[in-house]
């Protein structure tokens, strides 16, 4: 006889797994009966999310989804595994940010140089790109750029050393001019040969203190130039640099200049005063030729030679002192100095060139630094009859 009298076992559910939906936002927990695996029960899990990897400009981010389930106790004889069960799933579902480029001018354009605009991503500062900004170009108003102050017509060339600019030409029409101290943030150090030659309407030119060299013929023929200051750092003044500046009234040669080049002030007919501050060794040929209003000059004691025609035609020169150390006086050096009445000649002189004192009709007195015997032995070339006929006063 069969009697159904054995108590049923009841279900004994054990945790099996948590299964996420594909997007990770929902999940189901599965429990399986240990007495009969065909018997199962499932629960909806509570799902929370957190960013695991943030999205970037160019890559999507990742979300970590966490599912949790805690089943309620069952009525006996059924039972279910107690305690919270969890599972996680990572889903790449955060959209990439894309670039958000913010522009900034990182290099300002100038009149002559282009600028740079840099675009930087606000999400990631390592993502950048640049684009050029066109140079502004000069805006000349009355010959001067309103943006940079550059003077219209001034042409600059970088020197060989790359550390200074040379003014090589001026093709403008201004009557007054101030040369800038820098060009492109590099100092202007030199006025090149013939840079301002024959600008006969120019009345005033101001050079910056950075200039150290004035080239040959630099201001030659600027016959309206009335004032000029040679910067004190100048160490070289080229041949004929101021020749023909017929209205220039005064000039100071700075201390760094050691030689007066040939023709440097020739034809400066209104030049009345010259101050030589440095240890000049030589006065070149025709240096002051035809400076017809030059009435006096202090020749530095360092001078050893006076070039040919150096002071020829200086008709206002009344007296002359050659310093000790001068050895040679070139031919025609003081010819045509028609107002010259006295001259001091040191014993160091070993040669007086031909016609050095020709056409000096007013010359009456010579002060010689040596003895009468020294004077008699001094080589005085022909054409100096006025000199030899003058009254000579001897130092000994």
Protein backbone atom coordinates (compact mmCIF):
# COMPACT_ATOMS: atom_id res chain seq x y z
CA UNK A 1 0.00 0.00 0.00
CA UNK A 2 1.45 3.45 -0.97
CA UNK A 3 0.89 6.20 1.47
CA UNK A 4 1.91 9.81 0.76
CA UNK A 5 3.15 10.55 4.19
CA UNK A 6 6.71 11.86 3.70
CA UNK A 7 6.87 15.62 4.33
CA UNK A 8 7.85 17.70 1.38
CA UNK A 9 11.32 19.08 1.48
CA UNK A 10 10.41 22.64 0.52
CA UNK A 11 12.65 24.75 -1.68
CA UNK A 12 16.16 25.61 -0.65
CA UNK A 13 17.14 28.47 -2.96
CA UNK A 14 20.79 29.28 -3.39
CA UNK A 15 22.18 32.40 -5.10
CA UNK A 16 23.19 31.63 -8.64
CA UNK A 17 23.91 34.88 -10.54
CA UNK A 18 23.02 38.46 -11.33
CA UNK A 19 22.39 39.19 -14.99
CA UNK A 20 22.56 42.77 -16.35
CA UNK A 21 20.66 44.21 -19.26
CA UNK A 22 22.94 45.15 -22.14
CA UNK A 23 22.95 48.82 -21.14
CA UNK A 24 23.72 47.90 -17.52
CA UNK A 25 20.84 49.93 -16.13
CA UNK A 26 18.72 46.97 -14.95
CA UNK A 27 19.65 43.56 -13.52
CA UNK A 28 17.99 40.35 -12.32
CA UNK A 29 19.22 38.05 -9.56
CA UNK A 30 18.63 34.30 -10.02
CA UNK A 31 18.33 31.80 -7.16
CA UNK A 32 18.21 28.02 -7.89
CA UNK A 33 16.75 25.38 -5.64
CA UNK A 34 19.41 23.00 -4.42
CA UNK A 35 16.82 20.23 -4.20
CA UNK A 36 15.70 20.60 -7.79
CA UNK A 37 17.60 22.81 -10.19
CA UNK A 38 14.54 23.14 -12.36
CA UNK A 39 13.06 25.29 -9.65
CA UNK A 40 14.29 28.86 -9.69
CA UNK A 41 13.21 32.24 -8.46
CA UNK A 42 14.37 35.66 -9.64
CA UNK A 43 14.44 39.16 -8.18
CA UNK A 44 14.93 42.56 -9.71
CA UNK A 45 18.16 44.06 -8.39
CA UNK A 46 18.65 47.64 -7.36
CA UNK A 47 21.15 49.20 -9.79
CA UNK A 48 23.35 52.22 -9.07
CA UNK A 49 25.97 53.80 -11.35
CA UNK A 50 29.30 55.64 -11.07
CA UNK A 51 31.73 57.06 -13.60
CA UNK A 52 34.74 54.82 -13.87
CA UNK A 53 36.54 56.60 -16.70
CA UNK A 54 35.55 60.10 -17.71
CA UNK A 55 34.97 60.88 -21.34
CA UNK A 56 37.61 62.92 -23.14
CA UNK A 57 37.60 65.06 -26.24
CA UNK A 58 38.30 62.06 -28.42
CA UNK A 59 37.27 58.97 -26.39
CA UNK A 60 34.04 57.80 -24.73
CA UNK A 61 33.92 57.31 -20.98
CA UNK A 62 32.97 54.19 -18.98
CA UNK A 63 30.21 53.77 -16.36
CA UNK A 64 30.36 51.09 -13.67
CA UNK A 65 26.89 49.75 -12.83
CA UNK A 66 26.46 48.00 -9.48
CA UNK A 67 23.48 45.67 -8.85
CA UNK A 68 22.43 44.74 -5.31
CA UNK A 69 19.76 42.31 -4.10
CA UNK A 70 18.68 41.13 -0.62
CA UNK A 71 15.78 38.59 -0.81
CA UNK A 72 13.16 38.43 1.92
CA UNK A 73 12.91 35.28 3.99
CA UNK A 74 10.50 32.61 2.74
CA UNK A 75 7.78 30.72 4.60
CA UNK A 76 8.87 27.29 5.86
CA UNK A 77 9.56 24.85 4.58
CA UNK A 78 10.87 27.04 1.76
CA UNK A 79 14.01 29.00 2.39
CA UNK A 80 16.40 31.21 0.44
CA UNK A 81 20.02 32.09 0.90
CA UNK A 82 20.18 35.17 3.07
CA UNK A 83 22.42 38.21 2.69
CA UNK A 84 23.09 40.94 0.14
CA UNK A 85 24.43 39.88 -3.21
CA UNK A 86 26.20 42.28 -5.58
CA UNK A 87 27.60 42.33 -9.09
CA UNK A 88 29.11 44.99 -11.39
CA UNK A 89 29.25 45.70 -15.09
CA UNK A 90 31.31 48.29 -16.98
CA UNK A 91 29.64 49.90 -19.99
CA UNK A 92 31.35 52.38 -22.36
CA UNK A 93 28.35 54.64 -22.66
CA UNK A 94 29.51 58.20 -21.84
CA UNK A 95 29.64 60.23 -25.03
CA UNK A 96 33.03 61.75 -25.92
CA UNK A 97 33.15 65.49 -25.28
CA UNK A 98 34.50 66.64 -28.59
CA UNK A 99 36.87 69.61 -28.79
CA UNK A 100 35.85 73.04 -27.58
CA UNK A 101 38.60 75.26 -28.90
CA UNK A 102 39.00 78.71 -27.32
CA UNK A 103 41.07 81.23 -29.31
CA UNK A 104 43.78 83.42 -27.79
CA UNK A 105 46.29 85.74 -29.48
CA UNK A 106 49.63 84.41 -28.25
CA UNK A 107 51.84 86.58 -30.44
CA UNK A 108 50.62 90.02 -31.37
CA UNK A 109 51.14 90.97 -35.01
CA UNK A 110 53.28 94.00 -35.71
CA UNK A 111 53.52 96.25 -38.70
CA UNK A 112 56.05 93.96 -40.34
CA UNK A 113 55.74 90.58 -38.59
CA UNK A 114 52.74 88.23 -38.51
CA UNK A 115 51.19 87.23 -35.21
CA UNK A 116 49.94 83.87 -33.95
CA UNK A 117 46.48 82.89 -32.70
CA UNK A 118 46.45 79.72 -30.60
CA UNK A 119 43.34 77.60 -30.12
CA UNK A 120 43.30 75.55 -26.90
CA UNK A 121 40.67 72.95 -26.05
CA UNK A 122 38.86 73.84 -22.83
CA UNK A 123 38.53 70.16 -22.01
CA UNK A 124 42.18 69.26 -22.53
CA UNK A 125 44.86 71.96 -22.70
CA UNK A 126 47.24 69.61 -24.50
CA UNK A 127 45.04 69.79 -27.58
CA UNK A 128 45.97 72.94 -29.49
CA UNK A 129 46.45 74.30 -32.97
CA UNK A 130 47.61 77.64 -34.30
CA UNK A 131 46.91 79.95 -37.20
CA UNK A 132 48.83 83.00 -38.41
CA UNK A 133 47.57 86.55 -38.04
CA UNK A 134 48.55 88.78 -40.94
CA UNK A 135 51.03 91.59 -40.28
CA UNK A 136 49.26 94.90 -39.73
CA UNK A 137 51.29 96.94 -42.18
CA UNK A 138 52.41 100.48 -41.48
CA UNK A 139 49.95 103.31 -41.05
CA UNK A 140 52.01 106.34 -41.93
CA UNK A 141 50.70 109.70 -40.79
CA UNK A 142 52.92 112.62 -41.75
CA UNK A 143 55.70 110.15 -42.47
CA UNK A 144 55.56 108.34 -39.08
CA UNK A 145 53.75 105.06 -38.47
CA UNK A 146 51.00 105.55 -35.90
CA UNK A 147 51.45 101.96 -34.71
CA UNK A 148 55.18 101.45 -34.33
CA UNK A 149 56.72 104.88 -34.80
CA UNK A 150 58.78 103.77 -37.79
CA UNK A 151 59.78 106.55 -40.09
CA UNK A 152 58.64 106.25 -43.66
CA UNK A 153 61.54 105.83 -46.00
CA UNK A 154 64.15 104.57 -43.51
CA UNK A 155 65.65 101.32 -44.72
CA UNK A 156 67.44 99.00 -42.29
CA UNK A 157 69.80 96.08 -42.86
CA UNK A 158 70.94 93.65 -40.17
CA UNK A 159 74.71 93.69 -39.69
CA UNK A 160 76.85 90.60 -40.25
CA UNK A 161 77.04 89.81 -36.55
CA UNK A 162 73.26 89.86 -36.32
CA UNK A 163 73.32 92.11 -33.27
CA UNK A 164 72.57 95.51 -34.74
CA UNK A 165 70.81 97.28 -37.58
CA UNK A 166 72.40 99.60 -40.10
CA UNK A 167 70.44 102.50 -41.59
CA UNK A 168 71.34 101.96 -45.23
CA UNK A 169 69.08 104.46 -46.96
CA UNK A 170 66.46 107.12 -46.48
CA UNK A 171 64.11 107.81 -49.37
CA UNK A 172 61.55 109.93 -47.53
CA UNK A 173 60.93 113.64 -47.73
CA UNK A 174 60.84 114.81 -44.12
CA UNK A 175 62.77 117.93 -43.15
CA UNK A 176 63.32 116.75 -39.57
CA UNK A 177 64.05 113.19 -38.57
CA UNK A 178 64.68 111.15 -35.44
CA UNK A 179 66.25 107.77 -36.10
CA UNK A 180 64.81 105.13 -33.72
CA UNK A 181 67.06 103.40 -31.18
CA UNK A 182 65.79 99.94 -32.14
CA UNK A 183 64.32 98.18 -35.12
CA UNK A 184 62.49 94.94 -34.46
CA UNK A 185 63.76 95.10 -30.86
CA UNK A 186 67.39 95.06 -32.07
CA UNK A 187 69.47 98.20 -31.54
CA UNK A 188 70.33 100.54 -34.41
CA UNK A 189 74.13 100.75 -34.26
CA UNK A 190 75.29 102.21 -37.54
CA UNK A 191 74.50 104.84 -40.14
CA UNK A 192 75.64 103.26 -43.37
CA UNK A 193 77.59 104.81 -46.25
CA UNK A 194 75.56 107.40 -48.21
CA UNK A 195 72.49 106.73 -46.07
CA UNK A 196 71.32 110.37 -46.14
CA UNK A 197 73.49 111.74 -48.91
CA UNK A 198 72.17 114.84 -50.74
CA UNK A 199 68.97 115.17 -48.69
CA UNK A 200 69.28 118.89 -49.13
CA UNK A 201 65.95 119.78 -47.46
CA UNK A 202 66.77 118.02 -44.19
CA UNK A 203 67.32 120.59 -41.43
CA UNK A 204 67.63 118.33 -38.41
CA UNK A 205 68.55 114.68 -37.85
CA UNK A 206 68.70 113.12 -34.38
CA UNK A 207 70.58 109.86 -33.92
CA UNK A 208 70.01 107.44 -31.01
CA UNK A 209 72.69 106.85 -28.38
CA UNK A 210 73.07 103.27 -29.66
CA UNK A 211 74.88 104.40 -32.84
CA UNK A 212 78.63 103.68 -32.83
CA UNK A 213 79.53 104.06 -36.51
CA UNK A 214 78.81 106.77 -39.08
CA UNK A 215 79.78 105.60 -42.54
CA UNK A 216 81.38 107.24 -45.54
CA UNK A 217 79.34 110.05 -47.11
CA UNK A 218 76.55 109.31 -44.61
CA UNK A 219 75.30 112.91 -44.48
CA UNK A 220 77.25 114.33 -47.38
CA UNK A 221 75.54 117.14 -49.21
CA UNK A 222 72.85 117.72 -46.59
CA UNK A 223 73.27 121.43 -47.15
CA UNK A 224 70.23 122.48 -45.11
CA UNK A 225 71.35 120.65 -41.98
CA UNK A 226 71.84 123.27 -39.28
CA UNK A 227 72.30 121.23 -36.11
CA UNK A 228 73.70 117.79 -35.49
CA UNK A 229 74.81 115.90 -32.39
CA UNK A 230 77.15 112.96 -32.86
CA UNK A 231 76.20 110.32 -30.24
CA UNK A 232 78.88 109.93 -27.60
CA UNK A 233 79.30 106.19 -28.25
CA UNK A 234 80.44 106.79 -31.84
CA UNK A 235 83.97 105.45 -32.40
CA UNK A 236 84.24 105.81 -36.17
CA UNK A 237 83.25 108.55 -38.59
CA UNK A 238 83.85 107.73 -42.25
CA UNK A 239 85.35 109.75 -45.05
CA UNK A 240 83.25 112.72 -46.22
CA UNK A 241 80.60 111.85 -43.64
CA UNK A 242 79.52 115.51 -43.30
CA UNK A 243 81.11 116.98 -46.42
CA UNK A 244 79.04 119.74 -47.97
CA UNK A 245 76.84 120.33 -44.90
CA UNK A 246 77.20 123.99 -45.66
CA UNK A 247 74.82 125.28 -42.94
CA UNK A 248 76.16 123.20 -40.07
CA UNK A 249 77.31 125.66 -37.41
CA UNK A 250 78.98 123.54 -34.74
CA UNK A 251 80.06 119.98 -34.11
CA UNK A 252 81.47 117.93 -31.23
CA UNK A 253 83.56 114.86 -32.02
CA UNK A 254 83.06 112.30 -29.21
CA UNK A 255 85.85 110.82 -27.13
CA UNK A 256 85.87 107.40 -28.81
CA UNK A 257 86.90 108.71 -32.23
CA UNK A 258 90.66 108.33 -32.77
CA UNK A 259 91.01 109.66 -36.31
CA UNK A 260 89.32 112.35 -38.38
CA UNK A 261 88.82 110.81 -41.78
CA UNK A 262 89.65 112.59 -45.03
CA UNK A 263 87.08 115.20 -46.15
CA UNK A 264 84.96 114.50 -43.07
CA UNK A 265 83.84 118.15 -42.66
CA UNK A 266 84.98 119.56 -45.98
CA UNK A 267 82.82 122.36 -47.30
CA UNK A 268 81.00 123.02 -44.00
CA UNK A 269 81.18 126.73 -44.79
CA UNK A 270 79.23 127.94 -41.74
CA UNK A 271 81.05 125.76 -39.24
CA UNK A 272 82.33 128.14 -36.56
CA UNK A 273 83.24 125.78 -33.74
CA UNK A 274 84.62 122.26 -33.46
CA UNK A 275 85.20 120.41 -30.19
CA UNK A 276 87.32 117.27 -30.34
CA UNK A 277 86.94 115.36 -27.06
CA UNK A 278 89.02 112.26 -27.65
CA UNK A 279 92.60 111.19 -28.27
CA UNK A 280 92.59 111.79 -32.01
CA UNK A 281 95.85 110.70 -33.61
CA UNK A 282 95.44 112.02 -37.13
CA UNK A 283 93.53 114.69 -39.00
CA UNK A 284 92.95 113.38 -42.50
CA UNK A 285 93.36 115.02 -45.87
CA UNK A 286 90.91 117.89 -46.46
CA UNK A 287 89.18 117.14 -43.15
CA UNK A 288 88.20 120.82 -42.63
CA UNK A 289 88.90 122.14 -46.11
CA UNK A 290 86.87 125.22 -47.02
CA UNK A 291 85.33 125.57 -43.56
CA UNK A 292 85.54 129.27 -44.28
CA UNK A 293 83.96 130.50 -41.02
CA UNK A 294 85.99 128.30 -38.67
CA UNK A 295 87.79 130.88 -36.54
CA UNK A 296 89.54 128.60 -34.03
CA UNK A 297 90.21 124.97 -33.28
CA UNK A 298 91.90 123.19 -30.40
CA UNK A 299 93.91 120.37 -31.91
CA UNK A 300 94.26 117.55 -29.34
CA UNK A 301 97.72 116.88 -27.95
CA UNK A 302 97.54 113.30 -29.22
CA UNK A 303 97.57 114.32 -32.88
CA UNK A 304 100.73 113.30 -34.75
CA UNK A 305 99.86 114.17 -38.34
CA UNK A 306 97.97 116.87 -40.20
CA UNK A 307 96.87 115.69 -43.63
CA UNK A 308 97.13 117.47 -46.94
CA UNK A 309 94.62 120.33 -47.37
CA UNK A 310 93.35 119.54 -43.84
CA UNK A 311 92.50 123.21 -43.10
CA UNK A 312 92.91 124.68 -46.54
CA UNK A 313 90.56 127.60 -47.16
CA UNK A 314 89.73 128.20 -43.49
CA UNK A 315 89.73 131.93 -44.09
CA UNK A 316 88.49 132.90 -40.60
CA UNK A 317 91.22 131.03 -38.72
CA UNK A 318 93.35 133.68 -36.98
CA UNK A 319 95.74 131.63 -34.86
CA UNK A 320 96.92 128.06 -34.78
CA UNK A 321 98.63 125.92 -32.16
CA UNK A 322 100.04 122.60 -33.28
CA UNK A 323 100.50 120.41 -30.16
CA UNK A 324 103.69 118.68 -29.13
CA UNK A 325 103.77 115.33 -30.86
CA UNK A 326 102.80 116.50 -34.34
CA UNK A 327 105.45 115.24 -36.73
CA UNK A 328 104.09 115.96 -40.20
CA UNK A 329 102.14 118.79 -41.74
CA UNK A 330 100.83 117.78 -45.16
CA UNK A 331 100.96 119.76 -48.35
CA UNK A 332 98.54 122.70 -48.59
CA UNK A 333 97.45 121.86 -45.03
CA UNK A 334 96.74 125.51 -44.13
CA UNK A 335 96.83 127.10 -47.55
CA UNK A 336 94.40 129.93 -48.06
CA UNK A 337 94.00 130.64 -44.33
CA UNK A 338 94.12 134.32 -45.19
CA UNK A 339 93.36 135.61 -41.66
CA UNK A 340 95.99 133.49 -39.95
CA UNK A 341 98.42 135.80 -38.12
CA UNK A 342 100.31 133.42 -35.87
CA UNK A 343 101.18 129.74 -35.72
CA UNK A 344 102.82 127.63 -33.02
CA UNK A 345 104.91 124.77 -34.34
CA UNK A 346 106.39 122.21 -31.91
CA UNK A 347 109.92 120.89 -32.15
CA UNK A 348 108.46 117.42 -32.83
CA UNK A 349 107.60 118.46 -36.40
CA UNK A 350 109.94 116.79 -38.87
CA UNK A 351 108.27 117.78 -42.13
CA UNK A 352 106.20 120.66 -43.49
CA UNK A 353 104.77 119.83 -46.90
CA UNK A 354 104.78 121.98 -49.94
CA UNK A 355 102.51 125.02 -49.94
CA UNK A 356 101.36 124.08 -46.42
CA UNK A 357 101.06 127.81 -45.57
CA UNK A 358 100.65 129.27 -49.02
CA UNK A 359 98.27 132.22 -49.44
CA UNK A 360 98.48 133.01 -45.72
CA UNK A 361 99.28 136.66 -46.37
CA UNK A 362 98.51 137.81 -42.79
CA UNK A 363 100.93 135.36 -41.16
CA UNK A 364 103.60 137.35 -39.32
CA UNK A 365 104.53 135.37 -36.21
CA UNK A 366 105.79 131.83 -35.82
CA UNK A 367 106.38 130.32 -32.36
CA UNK A 368 108.73 127.39 -32.71
CA UNK A 369 109.26 124.86 -29.93
CA UNK A 370 112.91 124.29 -30.72
CA UNK A 371 116.05 126.31 -31.26
CA UNK A 372 117.08 128.44 -34.20
CA UNK A 373 119.36 125.61 -35.25
CA UNK A 374 116.43 123.18 -35.17
CA UNK A 375 114.41 125.60 -37.27
CA UNK A 376 117.21 125.90 -39.77
CA UNK A 377 117.35 122.11 -40.10
CA UNK A 378 113.58 121.65 -40.38
CA UNK A 379 112.58 120.42 -43.87
CA UNK A 380 110.16 123.06 -45.11
CA UNK A 381 109.04 122.30 -48.66
CA UNK A 382 108.61 124.90 -51.37
CA UNK A 383 105.64 127.23 -51.50
CA UNK A 384 105.97 128.22 -47.83
CA UNK A 385 107.69 131.55 -48.34
CA UNK A 386 105.20 133.32 -46.04
CA UNK A 387 106.17 130.96 -43.25
CA UNK A 388 109.89 131.36 -43.69
CA UNK A 389 109.58 135.14 -44.02
CA UNK A 390 107.62 135.50 -40.75
CA UNK A 391 109.19 136.47 -37.45
CA UNK A 392 110.17 133.26 -35.66
CA UNK A 393 110.25 133.09 -31.85
CA UNK A 394 112.29 130.20 -30.50
CA UNK A 395 111.71 128.28 -27.30
CA UNK A 396 115.47 127.94 -26.74
